[in-house]
Amino acid sequence: MFISFFKIGAFSFGGGYAMLPMIEEEIIQVHGWLTAVEFIDILAIAEMTPGPIAINSATFLGYKVGGVLGSMTATFAVVLPSFIVMSLIVHFISKFKDSPYTKWVFSGIRPVVLGLIAAAAVTVGKNAFIDIKAVVISIIIFVLVTFKKFNPILAIVLAGVLGVFLY
């Protein structure tokens, strides 16, 4: 479990959503620790709790697979690569922050992050859109949050209420 989550933390750029395809591959396809439906449920819980989705996901997934020790192991492993990289970068950032090479690298990485997030959305969508009611709920919430600037916390509560009434 440590190696899987360390790899996820080390090779996933762009934050928690960009990590989702790699988390899904490791957890569902490589190790079979969870089903796709269980993975979506854990993502929903990770979204509703405070903190970064990658850390919350690792904590919940680790707990589901290995209890408290699994939770601690997965959380530590997913954070450790970032801690190591940031500790190294902090020493060099002032020297290279204005370098055109640094700017070019980040200009190349940004589209990849968007692609990874889009891939995660497709994966989650395939498992979350179980029927027309789920599609309607997601469209309502998307429109409210994106175009009406509806509070995301209230959107989660509204989606839960809609789920109770529709299911």
N, C-alpha and C. Protein backbone atom coordinates (compact mmCIF):
# COMPACT_ATOMS: atom_id res chain seq x y z
N MET A 1 0.83 -1.18 0.00
CA MET A 1 0.00 0.00 0.00
C MET A 1 0.88 1.26 0.00
N PHE A 2 1.95 1.23 0.80
CA PHE A 2 2.85 2.38 0.85
C PHE A 2 3.40 2.69 -0.54
N ILE A 3 3.87 1.68 -1.24
CA ILE A 3 4.47 1.89 -2.56
C ILE A 3 3.44 2.45 -3.54
N SER A 4 2.23 1.92 -3.51
CA SER A 4 1.19 2.40 -4.42
C SER A 4 0.89 3.88 -4.18
N PHE A 5 0.69 4.26 -2.93
CA PHE A 5 0.35 5.65 -2.65
C PHE A 5 1.55 6.58 -2.79
N PHE A 6 2.74 6.07 -2.54
CA PHE A 6 3.94 6.89 -2.76
C PHE A 6 4.06 7.18 -4.26
N LYS A 7 3.81 6.17 -5.08
CA LYS A 7 3.86 6.35 -6.54
C LYS A 7 2.80 7.36 -6.99
N ILE A 8 1.61 7.26 -6.43
CA ILE A 8 0.55 8.21 -6.77
C ILE A 8 0.98 9.62 -6.41
N GLY A 9 1.53 9.80 -5.22
CA GLY A 9 1.98 11.12 -4.79
C GLY A 9 3.16 11.63 -5.60
N ALA A 10 4.02 10.73 -6.04
CA ALA A 10 5.23 11.15 -6.76
C ALA A 10 4.99 11.48 -8.22
N PHE A 11 4.05 10.80 -8.84
CA PHE A 11 3.89 10.94 -10.29
C PHE A 11 2.59 11.59 -10.72
N SER A 12 1.88 12.15 -9.80
CA SER A 12 0.64 12.85 -10.13
C SER A 12 0.85 14.34 -9.92
N PHE A 13 0.75 15.07 -11.00
CA PHE A 13 0.92 16.51 -10.94
C PHE A 13 -0.42 17.19 -11.12
N GLY A 14 -0.60 18.32 -10.47
CA GLY A 14 -1.80 19.10 -10.68
C GLY A 14 -2.85 18.95 -9.60
N GLY A 15 -2.52 18.34 -8.50
CA GLY A 15 -3.46 18.26 -7.40
C GLY A 15 -4.29 16.99 -7.41
N GLY A 16 -5.24 16.95 -6.50
CA GLY A 16 -6.03 15.75 -6.26
C GLY A 16 -6.82 15.26 -7.45
N TYR A 17 -7.48 16.16 -8.18
CA TYR A 17 -8.29 15.72 -9.32
C TYR A 17 -7.41 15.11 -10.41
N ALA A 18 -6.24 15.68 -10.59
CA ALA A 18 -5.32 15.13 -11.59
C ALA A 18 -4.80 13.76 -11.16
N MET A 19 -4.82 13.48 -9.86
CA MET A 19 -4.36 12.19 -9.35
C MET A 19 -5.40 11.08 -9.54
N LEU A 20 -6.64 11.43 -9.74
CA LEU A 20 -7.71 10.43 -9.77
C LEU A 20 -7.49 9.30 -10.77
N PRO A 21 -7.06 9.57 -12.00
CA PRO A 21 -6.84 8.44 -12.91
C PRO A 21 -5.79 7.46 -12.38
N MET A 22 -4.73 7.97 -11.78
CA MET A 22 -3.69 7.09 -11.25
C MET A 22 -4.19 6.35 -10.01
N ILE A 23 -4.95 7.04 -9.16
CA ILE A 23 -5.51 6.38 -7.98
C ILE A 23 -6.44 5.25 -8.42
N GLU A 24 -7.29 5.56 -9.40
CA GLU A 24 -8.23 4.55 -9.89
C GLU A 24 -7.48 3.34 -10.44
N GLU A 25 -6.45 3.58 -11.23
CA GLU A 25 -5.69 2.46 -11.81
C GLU A 25 -5.06 1.60 -10.72
N GLU A 26 -4.42 2.23 -9.75
CA GLU A 26 -3.75 1.48 -8.68
C GLU A 26 -4.75 0.73 -7.80
N ILE A 27 -5.80 1.41 -7.39
CA ILE A 27 -6.73 0.86 -6.41
C ILE A 27 -7.67 -0.19 -7.02
N ILE A 28 -8.19 0.10 -8.21
CA ILE A 28 -9.19 -0.78 -8.81
C ILE A 28 -8.56 -1.79 -9.75
N GLN A 29 -7.78 -1.30 -10.71
CA GLN A 29 -7.30 -2.18 -11.77
C GLN A 29 -6.09 -3.02 -11.35
N VAL A 30 -5.10 -2.40 -10.72
CA VAL A 30 -3.88 -3.13 -10.37
C VAL A 30 -4.09 -4.05 -9.17
N HIS A 31 -4.65 -3.49 -8.09
CA HIS A 31 -4.75 -4.26 -6.85
C HIS A 31 -6.13 -4.83 -6.56
N GLY A 32 -7.18 -4.27 -7.18
CA GLY A 32 -8.53 -4.76 -6.93
C GLY A 32 -9.00 -4.55 -5.50
N TRP A 33 -8.48 -3.51 -4.85
CA TRP A 33 -8.86 -3.26 -3.47
C TRP A 33 -10.29 -2.77 -3.34
N LEU A 34 -10.78 -2.08 -4.38
CA LEU A 34 -12.14 -1.55 -4.38
C LEU A 34 -12.79 -1.77 -5.73
N THR A 35 -14.12 -1.73 -5.74
CA THR A 35 -14.84 -1.72 -7.01
C THR A 35 -14.96 -0.27 -7.47
N ALA A 36 -15.37 -0.07 -8.70
CA ALA A 36 -15.55 1.28 -9.23
C ALA A 36 -16.61 2.04 -8.43
N VAL A 37 -17.67 1.36 -8.03
CA VAL A 37 -18.74 2.00 -7.25
C VAL A 37 -18.22 2.41 -5.87
N GLU A 38 -17.46 1.54 -5.21
CA GLU A 38 -16.88 1.88 -3.91
C GLU A 38 -15.93 3.07 -4.03
N PHE A 39 -15.17 3.09 -5.12
CA PHE A 39 -14.24 4.19 -5.37
C PHE A 39 -14.99 5.52 -5.49
N ILE A 40 -16.09 5.53 -6.23
CA ILE A 40 -16.90 6.74 -6.39
C ILE A 40 -17.47 7.18 -5.04
N ASP A 41 -17.93 6.23 -4.25
CA ASP A 41 -18.47 6.56 -2.92
C ASP A 41 -17.40 7.19 -2.04
N ILE A 42 -16.21 6.65 -2.07
CA ILE A 42 -15.12 7.21 -1.27
C ILE A 42 -14.74 8.59 -1.78
N LEU A 43 -14.76 8.79 -3.08
CA LEU A 43 -14.49 10.13 -3.63
C LEU A 43 -15.54 11.13 -3.16
N ALA A 44 -16.78 10.69 -3.10
CA ALA A 44 -17.85 11.58 -2.63
C ALA A 44 -17.59 11.98 -1.18
N ILE A 45 -17.19 11.03 -0.35
CA ILE A 45 -16.88 11.35 1.05
C ILE A 45 -15.67 12.26 1.14
N ALA A 46 -14.65 11.98 0.33
CA ALA A 46 -13.44 12.81 0.34
C ALA A 46 -13.74 14.24 -0.10
N GLU A 47 -14.69 14.39 -1.01
CA GLU A 47 -15.08 15.72 -1.48
C GLU A 47 -15.80 16.51 -0.40
N MET A 48 -16.59 15.82 0.41
CA MET A 48 -17.41 16.50 1.41
C MET A 48 -16.65 16.87 2.67
N THR A 49 -15.49 16.28 2.87
CA THR A 49 -14.73 16.55 4.09
C THR A 49 -13.67 17.61 3.81
N PRO A 50 -13.32 18.39 4.83
CA PRO A 50 -12.31 19.44 4.63
C PRO A 50 -10.95 18.83 4.30
N GLY A 51 -10.21 19.52 3.47
CA GLY A 51 -8.86 19.09 3.14
C GLY A 51 -8.73 18.71 1.68
N PRO A 52 -7.50 18.53 1.25
CA PRO A 52 -7.24 18.17 -0.16
C PRO A 52 -7.81 16.80 -0.50
N ILE A 53 -8.37 16.68 -1.68
CA ILE A 53 -9.03 15.43 -2.08
C ILE A 53 -8.04 14.27 -2.13
N ALA A 54 -6.81 14.52 -2.54
CA ALA A 54 -5.82 13.43 -2.63
C ALA A 54 -5.54 12.84 -1.24
N ILE A 55 -5.38 13.71 -0.27
CA ILE A 55 -5.09 13.24 1.08
C ILE A 55 -6.32 12.56 1.68
N ASN A 56 -7.48 13.19 1.50
CA ASN A 56 -8.71 12.58 2.02
C ASN A 56 -8.97 11.23 1.37
N SER A 57 -8.77 11.15 0.06
CA SER A 57 -8.97 9.89 -0.64
C SER A 57 -8.02 8.82 -0.12
N ALA A 58 -6.75 9.19 0.02
CA ALA A 58 -5.77 8.22 0.53
C ALA A 58 -6.15 7.76 1.93
N THR A 59 -6.60 8.68 2.76
CA THR A 59 -6.99 8.33 4.12
C THR A 59 -8.16 7.36 4.13
N PHE A 60 -9.22 7.68 3.37
CA PHE A 60 -10.40 6.82 3.33
C PHE A 60 -10.10 5.49 2.66
N LEU A 61 -9.37 5.53 1.53
CA LEU A 61 -9.04 4.29 0.82
C LEU A 61 -8.16 3.40 1.68
N GLY A 62 -7.17 4.01 2.33
CA GLY A 62 -6.29 3.25 3.22
C GLY A 62 -7.06 2.60 4.35
N TYR A 63 -8.02 3.34 4.90
CA TYR A 63 -8.82 2.79 6.00
C TYR A 63 -9.68 1.62 5.50
N LYS A 64 -10.27 1.79 4.34
CA LYS A 64 -11.14 0.74 3.77
C LYS A 64 -10.34 -0.54 3.53
N VAL A 65 -9.09 -0.37 3.09
CA VAL A 65 -8.27 -1.54 2.74
C VAL A 65 -7.55 -2.11 3.95
N GLY A 66 -7.00 -1.23 4.82
CA GLY A 66 -6.16 -1.73 5.90
C GLY A 66 -6.43 -1.18 7.28
N GLY A 67 -7.62 -0.64 7.49
CA GLY A 67 -7.95 -0.11 8.81
C GLY A 67 -7.15 1.14 9.15
N VAL A 68 -6.96 1.39 10.44
CA VAL A 68 -6.27 2.60 10.89
C VAL A 68 -4.83 2.62 10.38
N LEU A 69 -4.14 1.50 10.45
CA LEU A 69 -2.76 1.44 9.95
C LEU A 69 -2.70 1.71 8.45
N GLY A 70 -3.65 1.16 7.71
CA GLY A 70 -3.72 1.42 6.27
C GLY A 70 -3.98 2.87 5.98
N SER A 71 -4.84 3.48 6.76
CA SER A 71 -5.16 4.90 6.61
C SER A 71 -3.92 5.77 6.83
N MET A 72 -3.21 5.48 7.90
CA MET A 72 -2.00 6.25 8.20
C MET A 72 -0.93 6.02 7.14
N THR A 73 -0.78 4.79 6.70
CA THR A 73 0.23 4.46 5.69
C THR A 73 -0.06 5.16 4.37
N ALA A 74 -1.29 5.06 3.89
CA ALA A 74 -1.66 5.66 2.61
C ALA A 74 -1.52 7.19 2.66
N THR A 75 -1.95 7.79 3.74
CA THR A 75 -1.88 9.25 3.87
C THR A 75 -0.43 9.71 3.91
N PHE A 76 0.38 9.06 4.71
CA PHE A 76 1.80 9.41 4.79
C PHE A 76 2.49 9.23 3.44
N ALA A 77 2.19 8.12 2.77
CA ALA A 77 2.85 7.81 1.50
C ALA A 77 2.47 8.79 0.41
N VAL A 78 1.21 9.23 0.35
CA VAL A 78 0.80 10.14 -0.71
C VAL A 78 1.34 11.56 -0.49
N VAL A 79 1.61 11.92 0.76
CA VAL A 79 2.13 13.26 1.08
C VAL A 79 3.65 13.32 0.99
N LEU A 80 4.31 12.22 1.27
CA LEU A 80 5.77 12.20 1.36
C LEU A 80 6.48 12.71 0.11
N PRO A 81 6.11 12.31 -1.10
CA PRO A 81 6.82 12.84 -2.27
C PRO A 81 6.74 14.36 -2.40
N SER A 82 5.57 14.91 -2.14
CA SER A 82 5.42 16.37 -2.21
C SER A 82 6.28 17.05 -1.16
N PHE A 83 6.33 16.48 0.02
CA PHE A 83 7.16 17.05 1.08
C PHE A 83 8.63 17.04 0.66
N ILE A 84 9.08 15.94 0.11
CA ILE A 84 10.48 15.85 -0.33
C ILE A 84 10.76 16.86 -1.44
N VAL A 85 9.89 16.90 -2.45
CA VAL A 85 10.10 17.81 -3.58
C VAL A 85 10.06 19.27 -3.12
N MET A 86 9.08 19.62 -2.30
CA MET A 86 8.97 21.01 -1.83
C MET A 86 10.16 21.39 -0.96
N SER A 87 10.67 20.47 -0.18
CA SER A 87 11.86 20.76 0.64
C SER A 87 13.06 21.06 -0.25
N LEU A 88 13.17 20.36 -1.36
CA LEU A 88 14.26 20.62 -2.30
C LEU A 88 14.04 21.92 -3.08
N ILE A 89 12.83 22.13 -3.52
CA ILE A 89 12.53 23.31 -4.33
C ILE A 89 12.73 24.60 -3.56
N VAL A 90 12.38 24.60 -2.30
CA VAL A 90 12.47 25.83 -1.51
C VAL A 90 13.89 26.40 -1.52
N HIS A 91 14.88 25.52 -1.64
CA HIS A 91 16.27 25.98 -1.67
C HIS A 91 16.65 26.61 -3.01
N PHE A 92 15.95 26.22 -4.08
CA PHE A 92 16.35 26.67 -5.41
C PHE A 92 15.36 27.66 -6.05
N ILE A 93 14.23 27.86 -5.44
CA ILE A 93 13.16 28.65 -6.08
C ILE A 93 13.58 30.09 -6.34
N SER A 94 14.26 30.71 -5.42
CA SER A 94 14.63 32.11 -5.63
C SER A 94 15.62 32.26 -6.78
N LYS A 95 16.42 31.25 -7.01
CA LYS A 95 17.43 31.31 -8.07
C LYS A 95 16.81 31.12 -9.46
N PHE A 96 15.79 30.26 -9.55
CA PHE A 96 15.26 29.90 -10.86
C PHE A 96 13.85 30.40 -11.16
N LYS A 97 13.23 31.13 -10.24
CA LYS A 97 11.83 31.49 -10.44
C LYS A 97 11.60 32.40 -11.64
N ASP A 98 12.57 33.20 -12.04
CA ASP A 98 12.40 34.09 -13.18
C ASP A 98 13.00 33.53 -14.47
N SER A 99 13.48 32.32 -14.42
CA SER A 99 14.08 31.70 -15.60
C SER A 99 13.02 31.40 -16.66
N PRO A 100 13.33 31.69 -17.91
CA PRO A 100 12.36 31.36 -18.97
C PRO A 100 12.13 29.85 -19.06
N TYR A 101 13.13 29.05 -18.73
CA TYR A 101 12.97 27.60 -18.76
C TYR A 101 11.90 27.14 -17.76
N THR A 102 11.93 27.75 -16.59
CA THR A 102 10.93 27.41 -15.57
C THR A 102 9.53 27.76 -16.07
N LYS A 103 9.40 28.93 -16.67
CA LYS A 103 8.10 29.35 -17.20
C LYS A 103 7.65 28.42 -18.33
N TRP A 104 8.58 28.01 -19.17
CA TRP A 104 8.23 27.10 -20.28
C TRP A 104 7.78 25.75 -19.76
N VAL A 105 8.46 25.24 -18.74
CA VAL A 105 8.09 23.95 -18.16
C VAL A 105 6.66 24.02 -17.62
N PHE A 106 6.35 25.08 -16.88
CA PHE A 106 5.00 25.19 -16.32
C PHE A 106 3.96 25.43 -17.40
N SER A 107 4.33 26.12 -18.46
CA SER A 107 3.41 26.30 -19.58
C SER A 107 3.08 24.96 -20.24
N GLY A 108 4.03 24.05 -20.25
CA GLY A 108 3.80 22.71 -20.80
C GLY A 108 3.03 21.81 -19.86
N ILE A 109 3.19 22.01 -18.57
CA ILE A 109 2.53 21.15 -17.58
C ILE A 109 1.05 21.50 -17.42
N ARG A 110 0.71 22.78 -17.53
CA ARG A 110 -0.69 23.18 -17.31
C ARG A 110 -1.70 22.43 -18.18
N PRO A 111 -1.46 22.29 -19.49
CA PRO A 111 -2.44 21.53 -20.29
C PRO A 111 -2.54 20.06 -19.88
N VAL A 112 -1.45 19.49 -19.43
CA VAL A 112 -1.48 18.09 -18.97
C VAL A 112 -2.38 17.97 -17.75
N VAL A 113 -2.29 18.92 -16.86
CA VAL A 113 -3.13 18.90 -15.66
C VAL A 113 -4.60 18.95 -16.06
N LEU A 114 -4.93 19.82 -16.98
CA LEU A 114 -6.32 19.92 -17.45
C LEU A 114 -6.77 18.59 -18.06
N GLY A 115 -5.90 17.97 -18.85
CA GLY A 115 -6.22 16.68 -19.44
C GLY A 115 -6.45 15.60 -18.40
N LEU A 116 -5.63 15.59 -17.35
CA LEU A 116 -5.79 14.60 -16.29
C LEU A 116 -7.09 14.82 -15.53
N ILE A 117 -7.43 16.07 -15.29
CA ILE A 117 -8.69 16.37 -14.60
C ILE A 117 -9.88 15.95 -15.48
N ALA A 118 -9.79 16.21 -16.78
CA ALA A 118 -10.86 15.80 -17.69
C ALA A 118 -10.99 14.27 -17.72
N ALA A 119 -9.86 13.57 -17.73
CA ALA A 119 -9.90 12.10 -17.71
C ALA A 119 -10.57 11.60 -16.43
N ALA A 120 -10.26 12.25 -15.31
CA ALA A 120 -10.90 11.87 -14.04
C ALA A 120 -12.40 12.11 -14.10
N ALA A 121 -12.81 13.23 -14.71
CA ALA A 121 -14.24 13.54 -14.83
C ALA A 121 -14.96 12.48 -15.65
N VAL A 122 -14.34 12.04 -16.73
CA VAL A 122 -14.95 11.01 -17.56
C VAL A 122 -15.08 9.70 -16.78
N THR A 123 -14.02 9.33 -16.07
CA THR A 123 -14.04 8.09 -15.30
C THR A 123 -15.11 8.13 -14.22
N VAL A 124 -15.15 9.22 -13.48
CA VAL A 124 -16.15 9.35 -12.42
C VAL A 124 -17.55 9.38 -13.03
N GLY A 125 -17.69 10.09 -14.14
CA GLY A 125 -18.99 10.19 -14.80
C GLY A 125 -19.53 8.86 -15.25
N LYS A 126 -18.66 8.00 -15.78
CA LYS A 126 -19.10 6.68 -16.25
C LYS A 126 -19.72 5.86 -15.12
N ASN A 127 -19.20 6.04 -13.92
CA ASN A 127 -19.71 5.25 -12.78
C ASN A 127 -20.77 5.98 -11.98
N ALA A 128 -20.82 7.30 -12.09
CA ALA A 128 -21.77 8.07 -11.30
C ALA A 128 -23.12 8.22 -12.01
N PHE A 129 -23.11 8.26 -13.34
CA PHE A 129 -24.35 8.43 -14.09
C PHE A 129 -25.04 7.08 -14.27
N ILE A 130 -25.67 6.64 -13.19
CA ILE A 130 -26.27 5.31 -13.19
C ILE A 130 -27.66 5.30 -13.85
N ASP A 131 -28.29 6.47 -13.92
CA ASP A 131 -29.59 6.58 -14.56
C ASP A 131 -29.86 8.05 -14.86
N ILE A 132 -31.03 8.33 -15.44
CA ILE A 132 -31.36 9.69 -15.84
C ILE A 132 -31.47 10.63 -14.64
N LYS A 133 -31.89 10.10 -13.49
CA LYS A 133 -32.00 10.94 -12.29
C LYS A 133 -30.62 11.47 -11.87
N ALA A 134 -29.60 10.62 -11.95
CA ALA A 134 -28.25 11.03 -11.58
C ALA A 134 -27.74 12.10 -12.55
N VAL A 135 -28.07 11.95 -13.82
CA VAL A 135 -27.67 12.94 -14.83
C VAL A 135 -28.35 14.28 -14.53
N VAL A 136 -29.63 14.24 -14.21
CA VAL A 136 -30.37 15.48 -13.91
C VAL A 136 -29.79 16.17 -12.67
N ILE A 137 -29.53 15.40 -11.62
CA ILE A 137 -28.93 15.99 -10.42
C ILE A 137 -27.60 16.64 -10.75
N SER A 138 -26.77 15.96 -11.53
CA SER A 138 -25.45 16.52 -11.82
C SER A 138 -25.56 17.78 -12.67
N ILE A 139 -26.49 17.81 -13.62
CA ILE A 139 -26.66 19.01 -14.45
C ILE A 139 -27.15 20.18 -13.60
N ILE A 140 -28.10 19.93 -12.73
CA ILE A 140 -28.61 20.99 -11.85
C ILE A 140 -27.49 21.57 -11.00
N ILE A 141 -26.72 20.69 -10.37
CA ILE A 141 -25.64 21.14 -9.50
C ILE A 141 -24.56 21.86 -10.31
N PHE A 142 -24.22 21.33 -11.48
CA PHE A 142 -23.22 21.97 -12.33
C PHE A 142 -23.64 23.39 -12.70
N VAL A 143 -24.87 23.55 -13.13
CA VAL A 143 -25.38 24.88 -13.53
C VAL A 143 -25.38 25.82 -12.33
N LEU A 144 -25.88 25.35 -11.21
CA LEU A 144 -25.94 26.21 -10.02
C LEU A 144 -24.55 26.68 -9.57
N VAL A 145 -23.61 25.75 -9.49
CA VAL A 145 -22.28 26.09 -8.99
C VAL A 145 -21.48 26.89 -10.02
N THR A 146 -21.56 26.50 -11.29
CA THR A 146 -20.74 27.14 -12.32
C THR A 146 -21.27 28.50 -12.73
N PHE A 147 -22.57 28.59 -12.99
CA PHE A 147 -23.11 29.81 -13.56
C PHE A 147 -23.84 30.70 -12.57
N LYS A 148 -24.35 30.13 -11.51
CA LYS A 148 -25.08 30.91 -10.51
C LYS A 148 -24.26 31.17 -9.26
N LYS A 149 -23.03 30.65 -9.24
CA LYS A 149 -22.12 30.81 -8.10
C LYS A 149 -22.74 30.33 -6.79
N PHE A 150 -23.48 29.25 -6.89
CA PHE A 150 -24.12 28.62 -5.73
C PHE A 150 -23.04 28.04 -4.83
N ASN A 151 -23.21 28.15 -3.55
CA ASN A 151 -22.23 27.65 -2.59
C ASN A 151 -22.07 26.13 -2.74
N PRO A 152 -20.82 25.65 -2.93
CA PRO A 152 -20.61 24.20 -3.12
C PRO A 152 -21.09 23.34 -1.94
N ILE A 153 -20.99 23.87 -0.73
CA ILE A 153 -21.47 23.11 0.43
C ILE A 153 -22.98 22.93 0.35
N LEU A 154 -23.67 24.01 0.01
CA LEU A 154 -25.12 23.91 -0.15
C LEU A 154 -25.47 23.02 -1.33
N ALA A 155 -24.63 23.01 -2.36
CA ALA A 155 -24.86 22.13 -3.51
C ALA A 155 -24.79 20.66 -3.10
N ILE A 156 -23.85 20.33 -2.24
CA ILE A 156 -23.73 18.95 -1.75
C ILE A 156 -24.97 18.57 -0.95
N VAL A 157 -25.41 19.49 -0.09
CA VAL A 157 -26.63 19.24 0.70
C VAL A 157 -27.83 19.09 -0.22
N LEU A 158 -27.96 19.98 -1.20
CA LEU A 158 -29.07 19.91 -2.15
C LEU A 158 -29.06 18.59 -2.92
N ALA A 159 -27.87 18.16 -3.36
CA ALA A 159 -27.76 16.89 -4.09
C ALA A 159 -28.18 15.72 -3.20
N GLY A 160 -27.79 15.77 -1.94
CA GLY A 160 -28.20 14.73 -1.00
C GLY A 160 -29.70 14.69 -0.82
N VAL A 161 -30.31 15.88 -0.68
CA VAL A 161 -31.77 15.97 -0.52
C VAL A 161 -32.46 15.45 -1.78
N LEU A 162 -31.95 15.87 -2.95
CA LEU A 162 -32.53 15.37 -4.21
C LEU A 162 -32.41 13.86 -4.30
N GLY A 163 -31.27 13.33 -3.86
CA GLY A 163 -31.07 11.88 -3.86
C GLY A 163 -32.08 11.16 -2.97
N VAL A 164 -32.37 11.74 -1.80
CA VAL A 164 -33.34 11.14 -0.90
C VAL A 164 -34.73 11.09 -1.56
N PHE A 165 -35.10 12.21 -2.19
CA PHE A 165 -36.43 12.27 -2.79
C PHE A 165 -36.55 11.47 -4.09
N LEU A 166 -35.49 11.45 -4.88
CA LEU A 166 -35.55 10.77 -6.17
C LEU A 166 -35.27 9.27 -6.11
N TYR A 167 -34.57 8.85 -5.06
CA TYR A 167 -34.24 7.43 -4.97
C TYR A 167 -34.96 6.80 -3.79
